[in-house]
Amino acid sequence: MGAAAAPAPRSRLAGSRRNAPYDLDRRIVALTQGGLPLQPRPYGRVAGYAGCSTAQLLERLEAMLHSGAVRRIGLIPNHYRLGLRGNGMTVWDVPDEAVDAVGERIGALDFVSHCYTRPRHPPHWPYNLFAMVHGAGRAEVEAKAGELAQYLRTSSRRHDVLFSTAVLKKTGMQVI
């Protein structure tokens, strides 16, 4: 006689009580990934749709952040609607041993919306630090990139500005 087959694992999507946090997490992600409701208490509204209390919703979001299931929760402004039509990704060739410290300083500047590192791809792409700059137009972005160049004059070997030509995806606060 052969060995008995092991029972099939239960689906994580099954409606058992044991899977309740997982099912709630899936509902929360589905309800928030397109943006939060544009109202004074958006988490309360989302909690109502998810079928939980606001406290439970915030607890699950914190758990998902801690586990890495959710990387971050943040506001995504629509720069075009704010009148900022000039958008340029400044790219910098910073020595690898200094890139984290330089990136933290640059990312803290009020005219840089986000700053991050990426690998170089020599010889065609020597840049490892990226900082997004917004302005009313191209000239304002170029002026801000010039300020960054002065700020980084001893930390960067070269740089460039890549200007946006289209908005590919903007998701943020919305009415639901």
Protein backbone atom coordinates (compact mmCIF):
# COMPACT_ATOMS: atom_id res chain seq x y z
CA MET A 1 0.00 0.00 0.00
CA GLY A 2 1.22 3.45 -0.81
CA ALA A 3 1.47 6.33 1.59
CA ALA A 4 -1.67 8.40 2.07
CA ALA A 5 -1.67 11.69 0.19
CA ALA A 6 -1.21 14.75 2.34
CA PRO A 7 -4.31 16.90 2.56
CA ALA A 8 -4.31 19.86 0.22
CA PRO A 9 -3.36 23.12 1.95
CA ARG A 10 -6.25 25.44 2.69
CA SER A 11 -6.41 28.46 0.48
CA ARG A 12 -5.30 31.64 2.23
CA LEU A 13 -8.34 33.23 0.66
CA ALA A 14 -10.72 30.81 2.34
CA GLY A 15 -13.22 32.51 4.58
CA SER A 16 -11.97 30.93 7.78
CA ARG A 17 -11.48 33.00 10.90
CA ARG A 18 -7.79 32.09 10.86
CA ASN A 19 -7.41 34.05 7.59
CA ALA A 20 -9.35 37.08 8.77
CA PRO A 21 -6.31 39.42 9.09
CA TYR A 22 -5.06 38.37 5.65
CA ASP A 23 -8.50 38.92 4.10
CA LEU A 24 -8.78 42.30 5.83
CA ASP A 25 -5.31 43.27 4.61
CA ARG A 26 -6.32 42.43 1.03
CA ARG A 27 -9.46 44.57 1.34
CA ILE A 28 -7.46 47.46 2.82
CA VAL A 29 -4.87 47.33 0.03
CA ALA A 30 -7.59 47.15 -2.63
CA LEU A 31 -9.37 50.14 -1.09
CA THR A 32 -6.27 52.33 -0.61
CA GLN A 33 -3.94 51.60 -3.53
CA GLY A 34 -5.80 54.06 -5.76
CA GLY A 35 -5.72 56.80 -3.12
CA LEU A 36 -7.50 57.82 0.04
CA PRO A 37 -10.88 59.57 0.07
CA LEU A 38 -10.57 63.35 -0.06
CA GLN A 39 -12.29 64.16 3.22
CA PRO A 40 -11.40 65.11 6.82
CA ARG A 41 -11.27 61.49 8.12
CA PRO A 42 -10.27 59.30 5.17
CA TYR A 43 -9.23 56.29 7.28
CA GLY A 44 -12.68 56.17 8.88
CA ARG A 45 -14.32 56.01 5.46
CA VAL A 46 -11.93 53.28 4.27
CA ALA A 47 -12.50 51.33 7.50
CA GLY A 48 -16.24 51.42 6.87
CA TYR A 49 -15.79 50.03 3.38
CA ALA A 50 -13.34 47.39 4.67
CA GLY A 51 -15.75 46.28 7.38
CA CYS A 52 -13.55 47.12 10.36
CA SER A 53 -12.98 49.91 12.87
CA THR A 54 -10.62 52.81 12.19
CA ALA A 55 -8.35 51.47 14.95
CA GLN A 56 -8.22 48.03 13.27
CA LEU A 57 -7.49 49.60 9.90
CA LEU A 58 -4.60 51.65 11.30
CA GLU A 59 -3.28 48.60 13.19
CA ARG A 60 -3.31 46.50 10.00
CA LEU A 61 -1.64 49.27 7.97
CA GLU A 62 1.10 49.55 10.59
CA ALA A 63 1.58 45.76 10.57
CA MET A 64 1.82 45.75 6.75
CA LEU A 65 4.37 48.57 6.86
CA HIS A 66 6.40 46.73 9.48
CA SER A 67 6.33 43.45 7.53
CA GLY A 68 7.17 45.13 4.23
CA ALA A 69 3.89 44.14 2.57
CA VAL A 70 3.30 47.89 2.18
CA ARG A 71 6.40 50.00 1.56
CA ARG A 72 5.03 53.41 2.43
CA ILE A 73 1.94 55.52 2.77
CA GLY A 74 2.31 59.00 1.41
CA LEU A 75 0.76 61.85 -0.45
CA ILE A 76 1.33 62.04 -4.19
CA PRO A 77 0.73 65.63 -5.30
CA ASN A 78 -0.28 66.34 -8.87
CA HIS A 79 2.37 68.94 -9.70
CA TYR A 80 0.66 69.99 -12.91
CA ARG A 81 -2.55 70.88 -11.07
CA LEU A 82 -0.45 72.87 -8.60
CA GLY A 83 0.93 74.94 -11.49
CA LEU A 84 4.34 73.26 -11.53
CA ARG A 85 4.71 72.52 -15.24
CA GLY A 86 8.49 72.19 -15.21
CA ASN A 87 9.59 68.80 -13.89
CA GLY A 88 13.13 67.55 -14.11
CA MET A 89 14.85 64.50 -12.73
CA THR A 90 18.35 65.63 -11.85
CA VAL A 91 20.89 62.81 -12.07
CA TRP A 92 24.27 62.88 -10.35
CA ASP A 93 27.53 60.95 -10.48
CA VAL A 94 28.44 60.79 -6.79
CA PRO A 95 31.20 58.56 -5.37
CA ASP A 96 29.54 55.39 -4.08
CA GLU A 97 30.96 55.81 -0.58
CA ALA A 98 29.28 59.25 -0.28
CA VAL A 99 26.00 58.68 -2.12
CA ASP A 100 23.85 57.86 0.93
CA ALA A 101 24.96 60.90 2.93
CA VAL A 102 24.68 63.21 -0.09
CA GLY A 103 21.26 61.79 -0.95
CA GLU A 104 19.94 62.45 2.56
CA ARG A 105 21.09 66.07 2.39
CA ILE A 106 19.62 66.59 -1.08
CA GLY A 107 16.36 64.82 -0.24
CA ALA A 108 15.84 67.20 2.70
CA LEU A 109 15.85 70.31 0.48
CA ASP A 110 12.42 71.91 0.13
CA PHE A 111 12.47 71.96 -3.68
CA VAL A 112 13.34 68.24 -4.05
CA SER A 113 10.22 66.07 -3.96
CA HIS A 114 12.06 62.74 -3.85
CA CYS A 115 15.63 61.50 -3.98
CA TYR A 116 16.98 57.98 -4.33
CA THR A 117 19.94 55.92 -5.53
CA ARG A 118 20.10 53.55 -8.47
CA PRO A 119 22.90 51.44 -9.91
CA ARG A 120 25.16 52.87 -12.59
CA HIS A 121 25.35 51.23 -16.02
CA PRO A 122 28.75 52.26 -17.39
CA PRO A 123 29.82 53.42 -19.84
CA HIS A 124 26.41 54.72 -20.97
CA TRP A 125 24.89 55.67 -17.61
CA PRO A 126 27.31 56.97 -14.96
CA TYR A 127 24.67 58.38 -12.58
CA ASN A 128 23.77 56.85 -9.23
CA LEU A 129 21.81 59.62 -7.43
CA PHE A 130 18.43 60.89 -8.64
CA ALA A 131 16.58 63.95 -7.30
CA MET A 132 13.24 65.18 -8.68
CA VAL A 133 12.86 68.95 -8.93
CA HIS A 134 9.66 70.83 -9.82
CA GLY A 135 9.14 74.42 -10.91
CA ALA A 136 6.72 76.71 -12.72
CA GLY A 137 8.65 76.05 -15.92
CA ARG A 138 11.83 74.61 -17.39
CA ALA A 139 13.89 77.72 -16.51
CA GLU A 140 12.98 77.43 -12.81
CA VAL A 141 13.95 73.74 -12.79
CA GLU A 142 17.27 74.56 -14.48
CA ALA A 143 17.92 77.27 -11.85
CA LYS A 144 17.19 74.80 -9.04
CA ALA A 145 19.43 72.20 -10.70
CA GLY A 146 22.12 74.90 -10.75
CA GLU A 147 21.63 75.41 -7.00
CA LEU A 148 22.04 71.67 -6.50
CA ALA A 149 25.18 71.69 -8.65
CA GLN A 150 26.65 74.43 -6.43
CA TYR A 151 25.62 72.50 -3.34
CA LEU A 152 27.22 69.30 -4.71
CA ARG A 153 30.25 70.88 -6.40
CA THR A 154 32.72 68.79 -4.36
CA SER A 155 30.53 65.66 -4.18
CA SER A 156 29.52 65.14 -7.80
CA ARG A 157 31.68 64.52 -10.84
CA ARG A 158 28.91 65.33 -13.35
CA HIS A 159 25.16 65.69 -13.64
CA ASP A 160 22.29 66.17 -16.05
CA VAL A 161 18.59 67.07 -15.97
CA LEU A 162 16.01 64.84 -17.61
CA PHE A 163 12.81 66.79 -18.25
CA SER A 164 9.38 65.18 -18.10
CA THR A 165 7.45 65.14 -21.35
CA ALA A 166 4.26 63.49 -20.03
CA VAL A 167 2.59 62.42 -16.80
CA LEU A 168 2.45 58.62 -16.94
CA LYS A 169 0.66 57.89 -13.67
CA LYS A 170 -0.68 60.05 -10.90
CA THR A 171 -2.65 58.46 -8.10
CA GLY A 172 -3.38 60.24 -4.88
CA MET A 173 -6.23 61.54 -2.77
CA GLN A 174 -9.58 61.07 -4.47
CA VAL A 175 -13.27 61.14 -3.71
CA ILE A 176 -14.75 57.65 -3.19
